[in-house]
Amino acid sequence: MNIETVYESLCIMDERNPCHADVTAYEREPDEPIPGAREKGCACDSCFYGKDSLAVEIIRLQEKLKKGATL
């Protein structure tokens, strides 16, 4: 599984998803962290039931590895 597949597992409102559909027109500063869909109030299956939890954890761990941190 590659990282693109992981991103596809995220909510469609999540900006990291390649099929992202910004239905809320959320504006953020360039250095502001990308908000999760739950923070935008999404109620899709991934958000409501937490089906994207594994994808979110994989992305978090990958970012830690890029920074050189130990897991």
C-alpha atoms as a PDB file:
ATOM      1  CA  MET A   1       0.000   0.000   0.000  1.00  0.00           C
ATOM      2  CA  ASN A   2       1.391   3.401  -0.935  1.00  0.00           C
ATOM      3  CA  ILE A   3       0.731   6.745   0.712  1.00  0.00           C
ATOM      4  CA  GLU A   4      -1.684   7.819  -2.042  1.00  0.00           C
ATOM      5  CA  THR A   5      -3.927   4.879  -1.122  1.00  0.00           C
ATOM      6  CA  VAL A   6      -3.799   5.978   2.517  1.00  0.00           C
ATOM      7  CA  TYR A   7      -4.843   9.506   1.544  1.00  0.00           C
ATOM      8  CA  GLU A   8      -7.775   8.079  -0.440  1.00  0.00           C
ATOM      9  CA  SER A   9      -9.010   6.474   2.795  1.00  0.00           C
ATOM     10  CA  LEU A  10      -9.569   9.893   4.342  1.00  0.00           C
ATOM     11  CA  CYS A  11     -12.845  11.772   4.260  1.00  0.00           C
ATOM     12  CA  ILE A  12     -13.643  13.494   0.978  1.00  0.00           C
ATOM     13  CA  MET A  13     -13.693  16.823   2.847  1.00  0.00           C
ATOM     14  CA  ASP A  14     -10.121  16.284   4.077  1.00  0.00           C
ATOM     15  CA  GLU A  15      -7.721  18.426   2.023  1.00  0.00           C
ATOM     16  CA  ARG A  16      -5.174  15.584   1.901  1.00  0.00           C
ATOM     17  CA  ASN A  17      -7.597  13.340  -0.020  1.00  0.00           C
ATOM     18  CA  PRO A  18      -6.810  13.492  -3.761  1.00  0.00           C
ATOM     19  CA  CYS A  19     -10.573  13.465  -4.472  1.00  0.00           C
ATOM     20  CA  HIS A  20     -11.095  16.396  -2.085  1.00  0.00           C
ATOM     21  CA  ALA A  21     -14.351  18.306  -2.476  1.00  0.00           C
ATOM     22  CA  ASP A  22     -14.322  21.517  -0.463  1.00  0.00           C
ATOM     23  CA  VAL A  23     -18.010  21.993   0.228  1.00  0.00           C
ATOM     24  CA  THR A  24     -17.424  24.303   3.201  1.00  0.00           C
ATOM     25  CA  ALA A  25     -15.001  26.727   1.500  1.00  0.00           C
ATOM     26  CA  TYR A  26     -12.797  26.633   4.614  1.00  0.00           C
ATOM     27  CA  GLU A  27     -10.041  29.249   4.453  1.00  0.00           C
ATOM     28  CA  ARG A  28      -6.812  28.787   6.364  1.00  0.00           C
ATOM     29  CA  GLU A  29      -3.404  30.400   6.595  1.00  0.00           C
ATOM     30  CA  PRO A  30      -0.550  28.649   4.706  1.00  0.00           C
ATOM     31  CA  ASP A  31       1.263  27.664   7.925  1.00  0.00           C
ATOM     32  CA  GLU A  32      -1.908  26.599   9.743  1.00  0.00           C
ATOM     33  CA  PRO A  33      -2.250  22.806  10.148  1.00  0.00           C
ATOM     34  CA  ILE A  34      -4.720  21.075   7.865  1.00  0.00           C
ATOM     35  CA  PRO A  35      -7.910  20.499   9.870  1.00  0.00           C
ATOM     36  CA  GLY A  36      -9.384  17.042   9.955  1.00  0.00           C
ATOM     37  CA  ALA A  37     -12.845  16.540   8.540  1.00  0.00           C
ATOM     38  CA  ARG A  38     -14.223  15.987  12.041  1.00  0.00           C
ATOM     39  CA  GLU A  39     -13.111  19.526  12.889  1.00  0.00           C
ATOM     40  CA  LYS A  40     -15.169  20.766   9.920  1.00  0.00           C
ATOM     41  CA  GLY A  41     -18.290  18.961  11.169  1.00  0.00           C
ATOM     42  CA  CYS A  42     -18.426  16.170   8.572  1.00  0.00           C
ATOM     43  CA  ALA A  43     -20.799  13.277   9.248  1.00  0.00           C
ATOM     44  CA  CYS A  44     -19.721  10.799   6.558  1.00  0.00           C
ATOM     45  CA  ASP A  45     -19.090   7.164   7.554  1.00  0.00           C
ATOM     46  CA  SER A  46     -15.334   7.701   7.798  1.00  0.00           C
ATOM     47  CA  CYS A  47     -15.755  10.558  10.244  1.00  0.00           C
ATOM     48  CA  PHE A  48     -18.808   9.425  12.172  1.00  0.00           C
ATOM     49  CA  TYR A  49     -17.639   5.849  12.751  1.00  0.00           C
ATOM     50  CA  GLY A  50     -13.913   6.635  12.789  1.00  0.00           C
ATOM     51  CA  LYS A  51     -13.157   4.476   9.765  1.00  0.00           C
ATOM     52  CA  ASP A  52     -10.291   6.766   8.801  1.00  0.00           C
ATOM     53  CA  SER A  53      -8.472   6.300  12.114  1.00  0.00           C
ATOM     54  CA  LEU A  54      -5.848   3.940  10.694  1.00  0.00           C
ATOM     55  CA  ALA A  55      -5.130   6.265   7.759  1.00  0.00           C
ATOM     56  CA  VAL A  56      -4.780   9.235  10.122  1.00  0.00           C
ATOM     57  CA  GLU A  57      -2.356   7.278  12.313  1.00  0.00           C
ATOM     58  CA  ILE A  58      -0.259   6.179   9.317  1.00  0.00           C
ATOM     59  CA  ILE A  59       0.005   9.788   8.133  1.00  0.00           C
ATOM     60  CA  ARG A  60       0.951  10.965  11.635  1.00  0.00           C
ATOM     61  CA  LEU A  61       3.697   8.348  11.909  1.00  0.00           C
ATOM     62  CA  GLN A  62       5.002   9.116   8.427  1.00  0.00           C
ATOM     63  CA  GLU A  63       5.294  12.811   9.300  1.00  0.00           C
ATOM     64  CA  LYS A  64       7.216  11.911  12.470  1.00  0.00           C
ATOM     65  CA  LEU A  65       9.616   9.775  10.433  1.00  0.00           C
ATOM     66  CA  LYS A  66      10.181  12.597   7.949  1.00  0.00           C
ATOM     67  CA  LYS A  67      11.174  14.860  10.851  1.00  0.00           C
ATOM     68  CA  GLY A  68      13.649  12.250  12.078  1.00  0.00           C
ATOM     69  CA  ALA A  69      11.793  11.388  15.265  1.00  0.00           C
ATOM     70  CA  THR A  70      11.744   7.896  16.666  1.00  0.00           C
ATOM     71  CA  LEU A  71       8.476   6.050  16.912  1.00  0.00           C
END
